[in-house]
Amino acid sequence: MQTKVLIMASSGFEQDELFVPLERLRAAGCEVKLAAPSRDPIRATVLDDPGRWITPDLSIAEADAAEWDALLLPGGLINPDHLRTDAAAVALVRAFLKGDKAVGAICHGPWLLIEADGVRGRQVTGWRSIRTDLRNAGGMFSDGPVVRDGKLVTAVGPQDSAAFADALLAAAKESLTFPA
């Protein structure tokens, strides 16, 4: 069975936090699609500089968590800050969490998990500037590059993108494993 991964982002995502997992997951045989606030192209940042463009496959409003095995939330400063004020984006994150699906957030991406009340009582990590946010939302901060708590995977930053993608894929595949 092919693992289906939805990436949710808006302009201002950190380039390697979307493109590295996208390429790694596709190379592993996953179906990977991108949802954004609209189908208009969105642009990455590389730290504070403009990066590559990518065209979303669907809008967030068109995305249905039931159709996917995992959700990937890239960071960057602008992207998750924008999406955490978007009711449809937050509702989609909640649907993945309530559906007991694999969810991964890297860098500032855990801001969306916080907004969806998805870190309370969970081991998490993230970019150094959001560590207090994670703790204040009830998360148990763990100082590691990639932290997995069940089907929730969090990572610190772009340098961890490959390991983050691998951990999210492992969590998603476990969701698909059925007892014999």
C-alpha atoms as a PDB file:
ATOM      1  CA  MET A   1       0.000   0.000   0.000  1.00  0.00           C
ATOM      2  CA  GLN A   2       1.396   3.402  -1.011  1.00  0.00           C
ATOM      3  CA  THR A   3       1.790   5.861   1.862  1.00  0.00           C
ATOM      4  CA  LYS A   4       0.024   9.168   1.183  1.00  0.00           C
ATOM      5  CA  VAL A   5       1.556  12.299   2.735  1.00  0.00           C
ATOM      6  CA  LEU A   6       0.015  15.761   2.643  1.00  0.00           C
ATOM      7  CA  ILE A   7       2.275  18.777   3.103  1.00  0.00           C
ATOM      8  CA  MET A   8       0.562  21.981   4.222  1.00  0.00           C
ATOM      9  CA  ALA A   9       2.328  25.298   3.686  1.00  0.00           C
ATOM     10  CA  SER A  10       1.978  28.908   2.650  1.00  0.00           C
ATOM     11  CA  SER A  11       4.537  31.359   1.314  1.00  0.00           C
ATOM     12  CA  GLY A  12       7.410  31.871   3.706  1.00  0.00           C
ATOM     13  CA  PHE A  13       8.116  28.192   4.405  1.00  0.00           C
ATOM     14  CA  GLU A  14      11.763  27.271   4.974  1.00  0.00           C
ATOM     15  CA  GLN A  15      12.935  25.806   1.657  1.00  0.00           C
ATOM     16  CA  ASP A  16      14.772  22.682   2.868  1.00  0.00           C
ATOM     17  CA  GLU A  17      11.992  21.853   5.339  1.00  0.00           C
ATOM     18  CA  LEU A  18       9.575  21.301   2.453  1.00  0.00           C
ATOM     19  CA  PHE A  19      11.719  20.257  -0.514  1.00  0.00           C
ATOM     20  CA  VAL A  20      14.046  17.802   1.278  1.00  0.00           C
ATOM     21  CA  PRO A  21      11.166  15.784   2.817  1.00  0.00           C
ATOM     22  CA  LEU A  22       9.141  16.045  -0.419  1.00  0.00           C
ATOM     23  CA  GLU A  23      11.969  14.552  -2.473  1.00  0.00           C
ATOM     24  CA  ARG A  24      12.893  11.969   0.186  1.00  0.00           C
ATOM     25  CA  LEU A  25       9.302  10.772   0.640  1.00  0.00           C
ATOM     26  CA  ARG A  26       8.710  10.533  -3.112  1.00  0.00           C
ATOM     27  CA  ALA A  27      11.965   8.580  -3.491  1.00  0.00           C
ATOM     28  CA  ALA A  28      10.619   6.168  -0.853  1.00  0.00           C
ATOM     29  CA  GLY A  29       7.534   5.568  -3.017  1.00  0.00           C
ATOM     30  CA  CYS A  30       5.083   7.849  -1.205  1.00  0.00           C
ATOM     31  CA  GLU A  31       2.388   9.869  -2.877  1.00  0.00           C
ATOM     32  CA  VAL A  32       3.055  13.421  -1.707  1.00  0.00           C
ATOM     33  CA  LYS A  33       0.842  16.437  -2.393  1.00  0.00           C
ATOM     34  CA  LEU A  34       0.980  20.058  -1.278  1.00  0.00           C
ATOM     35  CA  ALA A  35      -1.991  21.975   0.145  1.00  0.00           C
ATOM     36  CA  ALA A  36      -1.862  25.756   0.564  1.00  0.00           C
ATOM     37  CA  PRO A  37      -4.420  28.497   1.260  1.00  0.00           C
ATOM     38  CA  SER A  38      -5.061  28.634  -2.512  1.00  0.00           C
ATOM     39  CA  ARG A  39      -3.699  26.925  -5.616  1.00  0.00           C
ATOM     40  CA  ASP A  40      -1.561  29.964  -6.396  1.00  0.00           C
ATOM     41  CA  PRO A  41       2.217  29.326  -6.316  1.00  0.00           C
ATOM     42  CA  ILE A  42       3.920  29.822  -2.954  1.00  0.00           C
ATOM     43  CA  ARG A  43       7.525  30.827  -2.315  1.00  0.00           C
ATOM     44  CA  ALA A  44      10.113  29.471   0.062  1.00  0.00           C
ATOM     45  CA  THR A  45      12.574  31.376   2.157  1.00  0.00           C
ATOM     46  CA  VAL A  46      16.149  30.375   2.866  1.00  0.00           C
ATOM     47  CA  LEU A  47      16.511  31.933   6.281  1.00  0.00           C
ATOM     48  CA  ASP A  48      15.478  35.493   5.377  1.00  0.00           C
ATOM     49  CA  ASP A  49      16.193  35.366   1.644  1.00  0.00           C
ATOM     50  CA  PRO A  50      13.684  34.484  -1.110  1.00  0.00           C
ATOM     51  CA  GLY A  51      13.793  30.858  -2.259  1.00  0.00           C
ATOM     52  CA  ARG A  52      12.164  28.514  -4.762  1.00  0.00           C
ATOM     53  CA  TRP A  53       8.549  28.610  -5.907  1.00  0.00           C
ATOM     54  CA  ILE A  54       6.183  25.627  -5.843  1.00  0.00           C
ATOM     55  CA  THR A  55       2.602  25.261  -7.064  1.00  0.00           C
ATOM     56  CA  PRO A  56       0.184  23.562  -4.637  1.00  0.00           C
ATOM     57  CA  ASP A  57      -1.772  20.526  -5.762  1.00  0.00           C
ATOM     58  CA  LEU A  58      -4.880  21.552  -3.821  1.00  0.00           C
ATOM     59  CA  SER A  59      -6.156  24.191  -1.455  1.00  0.00           C
ATOM     60  CA  ILE A  60      -6.399  23.582   2.272  1.00  0.00           C
ATOM     61  CA  ALA A  61     -10.187  23.807   1.966  1.00  0.00           C
ATOM     62  CA  GLU A  62     -10.100  20.908  -0.531  1.00  0.00           C
ATOM     63  CA  ALA A  63      -7.967  18.679   1.721  1.00  0.00           C
ATOM     64  CA  ASP A  64      -9.604  15.865   3.676  1.00  0.00           C
ATOM     65  CA  ALA A  65      -7.535  14.235   6.439  1.00  0.00           C
ATOM     66  CA  ALA A  66      -9.362  10.934   5.872  1.00  0.00           C
ATOM     67  CA  GLU A  67      -7.650  10.604   2.473  1.00  0.00           C
ATOM     68  CA  TRP A  68      -4.100  10.839   3.845  1.00  0.00           C
ATOM     69  CA  ASP A  69      -1.798   8.775   6.059  1.00  0.00           C
ATOM     70  CA  ALA A  70       0.367  11.651   7.292  1.00  0.00           C
ATOM     71  CA  LEU A  71       0.600  15.435   7.497  1.00  0.00           C
ATOM     72  CA  LEU A  72       3.879  17.329   7.201  1.00  0.00           C
ATOM     73  CA  LEU A  73       4.151  20.905   8.473  1.00  0.00           C
ATOM     74  CA  PRO A  74       7.299  22.720   7.355  1.00  0.00           C
ATOM     75  CA  GLY A  75       8.504  25.675   9.352  1.00  0.00           C
ATOM     76  CA  GLY A  76      10.106  28.932   8.535  1.00  0.00           C
ATOM     77  CA  LEU A  77       8.990  31.931  10.533  1.00  0.00           C
ATOM     78  CA  ILE A  78       6.293  33.310   8.208  1.00  0.00           C
ATOM     79  CA  ASN A  79       4.523  30.138   7.015  1.00  0.00           C
ATOM     80  CA  PRO A  80       3.324  28.646  10.335  1.00  0.00           C
ATOM     81  CA  ASP A  81       2.577  32.074  11.790  1.00  0.00           C
ATOM     82  CA  HIS A  82       0.288  32.741   8.811  1.00  0.00           C
ATOM     83  CA  LEU A  83      -1.364  29.296   8.874  1.00  0.00           C
ATOM     84  CA  ARG A  84      -2.061  29.280  12.621  1.00  0.00           C
ATOM     85  CA  THR A  85      -4.462  32.194  12.042  1.00  0.00           C
ATOM     86  CA  ASP A  86      -6.251  30.297   9.237  1.00  0.00           C
ATOM     87  CA  ALA A  87      -9.250  28.423  10.683  1.00  0.00           C
ATOM     88  CA  ALA A  88      -9.285  25.855   7.856  1.00  0.00           C
ATOM     89  CA  ALA A  89      -5.579  25.091   8.354  1.00  0.00           C
ATOM     90  CA  VAL A  90      -5.978  24.628  12.108  1.00  0.00           C
ATOM     91  CA  ALA A  91      -9.067  22.454  11.567  1.00  0.00           C
ATOM     92  CA  LEU A  92      -7.099  20.258   9.160  1.00  0.00           C
ATOM     93  CA  VAL A  93      -4.304  19.780  11.708  1.00  0.00           C
ATOM     94  CA  ARG A  94      -6.913  18.878  14.350  1.00  0.00           C
ATOM     95  CA  ALA A  95      -8.511  16.357  11.979  1.00  0.00           C
ATOM     96  CA  PHE A  96      -5.174  14.605  11.451  1.00  0.00           C
ATOM     97  CA  LEU A  97      -4.489  14.548  15.185  1.00  0.00           C
ATOM     98  CA  LYS A  98      -7.977  13.269  16.038  1.00  0.00           C
ATOM     99  CA  GLY A  99      -7.744  10.716  13.235  1.00  0.00           C
ATOM    100  CA  ASP A 100      -4.704   9.209  14.948  1.00  0.00           C
ATOM    101  CA  LYS A 101      -2.590   9.812  11.855  1.00  0.00           C
ATOM    102  CA  ALA A 102       1.115  10.575  11.649  1.00  0.00           C
ATOM    103  CA  VAL A 103       1.787  14.304  11.981  1.00  0.00           C
ATOM    104  CA  GLY A 104       5.177  15.958  11.624  1.00  0.00           C
ATOM    105  CA  ALA A 105       6.187  19.558  12.297  1.00  0.00           C
ATOM    106  CA  ILE A 106       9.657  21.065  11.961  1.00  0.00           C
ATOM    107  CA  CYS A 107      11.236  24.340  13.089  1.00  0.00           C
ATOM    108  CA  HIS A 108       8.383  26.824  13.725  1.00  0.00           C
ATOM    109  CA  GLY A 109       5.847  24.309  12.322  1.00  0.00           C
ATOM    110  CA  PRO A 110       4.894  23.186  15.863  1.00  0.00           C
ATOM    111  CA  TRP A 111       3.102  26.539  16.237  1.00  0.00           C
ATOM    112  CA  LEU A 112       0.304  24.889  14.235  1.00  0.00           C
ATOM    113  CA  LEU A 113       0.310  21.940  16.650  1.00  0.00           C
ATOM    114  CA  ILE A 114       0.058  24.389  19.552  1.00  0.00           C
ATOM    115  CA  GLU A 115      -2.883  26.168  17.908  1.00  0.00           C
ATOM    116  CA  ALA A 116      -4.618  22.797  17.402  1.00  0.00           C
ATOM    117  CA  ASP A 117      -3.901  21.797  21.051  1.00  0.00           C
ATOM    118  CA  GLY A 118      -1.721  18.966  19.820  1.00  0.00           C
ATOM    119  CA  VAL A 119       1.333  19.143  22.095  1.00  0.00           C
ATOM    120  CA  ARG A 120      -0.203  18.886  25.568  1.00  0.00           C
ATOM    121  CA  GLY A 121       1.454  15.993  27.408  1.00  0.00           C
ATOM    122  CA  ARG A 122       3.606  15.067  24.387  1.00  0.00           C
ATOM    123  CA  GLN A 123       7.389  14.957  23.922  1.00  0.00           C
ATOM    124  CA  VAL A 124       8.234  17.644  21.343  1.00  0.00           C
ATOM    125  CA  THR A 125      11.029  19.779  19.989  1.00  0.00           C
ATOM    126  CA  GLY A 126      11.268  22.795  17.688  1.00  0.00           C
ATOM    127  CA  TRP A 127      13.274  25.871  16.807  1.00  0.00           C
ATOM    128  CA  ARG A 128      14.905  27.455  19.853  1.00  0.00           C
ATOM    129  CA  SER A 129      12.661  30.540  19.784  1.00  0.00           C
ATOM    130  CA  ILE A 130       9.463  28.461  20.224  1.00  0.00           C
ATOM    131  CA  ARG A 131      10.629  26.250  23.087  1.00  0.00           C
ATOM    132  CA  THR A 132       8.814  28.368  25.671  1.00  0.00           C
ATOM    133  CA  ASP A 133       5.683  28.313  23.484  1.00  0.00           C
ATOM    134  CA  LEU A 134       5.823  24.515  23.411  1.00  0.00           C
ATOM    135  CA  ARG A 135       6.203  24.307  27.192  1.00  0.00           C
ATOM    136  CA  ASN A 136       3.438  26.859  27.797  1.00  0.00           C
ATOM    137  CA  ALA A 137       1.114  24.770  25.604  1.00  0.00           C
ATOM    138  CA  GLY A 138       1.737  21.740  27.822  1.00  0.00           C
ATOM    139  CA  GLY A 139       4.389  20.071  25.697  1.00  0.00           C
ATOM    140  CA  MET A 140       7.305  18.305  27.295  1.00  0.00           C
ATOM    141  CA  PHE A 141      10.285  19.843  25.524  1.00  0.00           C
ATOM    142  CA  SER A 142      13.002  17.403  24.527  1.00  0.00           C
ATOM    143  CA  ASP A 143      16.371  18.654  23.338  1.00  0.00           C
ATOM    144  CA  GLY A 144      16.983  16.443  20.312  1.00  0.00           C
ATOM    145  CA  PRO A 145      17.132  17.097  16.556  1.00  0.00           C
ATOM    146  CA  VAL A 146      14.113  14.841  15.871  1.00  0.00           C
ATOM    147  CA  VAL A 147      11.658  13.765  18.576  1.00  0.00           C
ATOM    148  CA  ARG A 148       8.967  11.168  18.091  1.00  0.00           C
ATOM    149  CA  ASP A 149       6.071  10.666  20.499  1.00  0.00           C
ATOM    150  CA  GLY A 150       3.877   7.950  19.009  1.00  0.00           C
ATOM    151  CA  LYS A 151       2.703   9.246  15.635  1.00  0.00           C
ATOM    152  CA  LEU A 152       3.777  12.838  16.397  1.00  0.00           C
ATOM    153  CA  VAL A 153       7.180  13.790  14.984  1.00  0.00           C
ATOM    154  CA  THR A 154       8.866  17.139  15.601  1.00  0.00           C
ATOM    155  CA  ALA A 155      12.277  18.444  14.561  1.00  0.00           C
ATOM    156  CA  VAL A 156      14.470  21.468  15.218  1.00  0.00           C
ATOM    157  CA  GLY A 157      15.339  22.933  11.828  1.00  0.00           C
ATOM    158  CA  PRO A 158      16.405  22.632   8.191  1.00  0.00           C
ATOM    159  CA  GLN A 159      19.555  20.681   9.020  1.00  0.00           C
ATOM    160  CA  ASP A 160      17.268  17.912  10.355  1.00  0.00           C
ATOM    161  CA  SER A 161      14.971  17.710   7.308  1.00  0.00           C
ATOM    162  CA  ALA A 162      16.130  14.313   6.036  1.00  0.00           C
ATOM    163  CA  ALA A 163      15.977  12.597   9.447  1.00  0.00           C
ATOM    164  CA  PHE A 164      12.611  14.290  10.058  1.00  0.00           C
ATOM    165  CA  ALA A 165      11.189  12.908   6.796  1.00  0.00           C
ATOM    166  CA  ASP A 166      12.443   9.421   7.656  1.00  0.00           C
ATOM    167  CA  ALA A 167      10.863   9.538  11.135  1.00  0.00           C
ATOM    168  CA  LEU A 168       7.537  10.780   9.733  1.00  0.00           C
ATOM    169  CA  LEU A 169       7.526   8.024   7.119  1.00  0.00           C
ATOM    170  CA  ALA A 170       8.184   5.400   9.816  1.00  0.00           C
ATOM    171  CA  ALA A 171       5.293   6.768  11.897  1.00  0.00           C
ATOM    172  CA  ALA A 172       2.982   6.779   8.859  1.00  0.00           C
ATOM    173  CA  LYS A 173       3.893   3.213   7.894  1.00  0.00           C
ATOM    174  CA  GLU A 174       3.182   2.004  11.429  1.00  0.00           C
ATOM    175  CA  SER A 175      -0.281   3.496  11.087  1.00  0.00           C
ATOM    176  CA  LEU A 176      -0.820   1.279   8.053  1.00  0.00           C
ATOM    177  CA  THR A 177       0.352  -1.928   9.726  1.00  0.00           C
ATOM    178  CA  PHE A 178      -2.498  -4.226  10.657  1.00  0.00           C
ATOM    179  CA  PRO A 179      -2.232  -7.230  12.955  1.00  0.00           C
ATOM    180  CA  ALA A 180      -2.182 -10.603  11.187  1.00  0.00           C
END
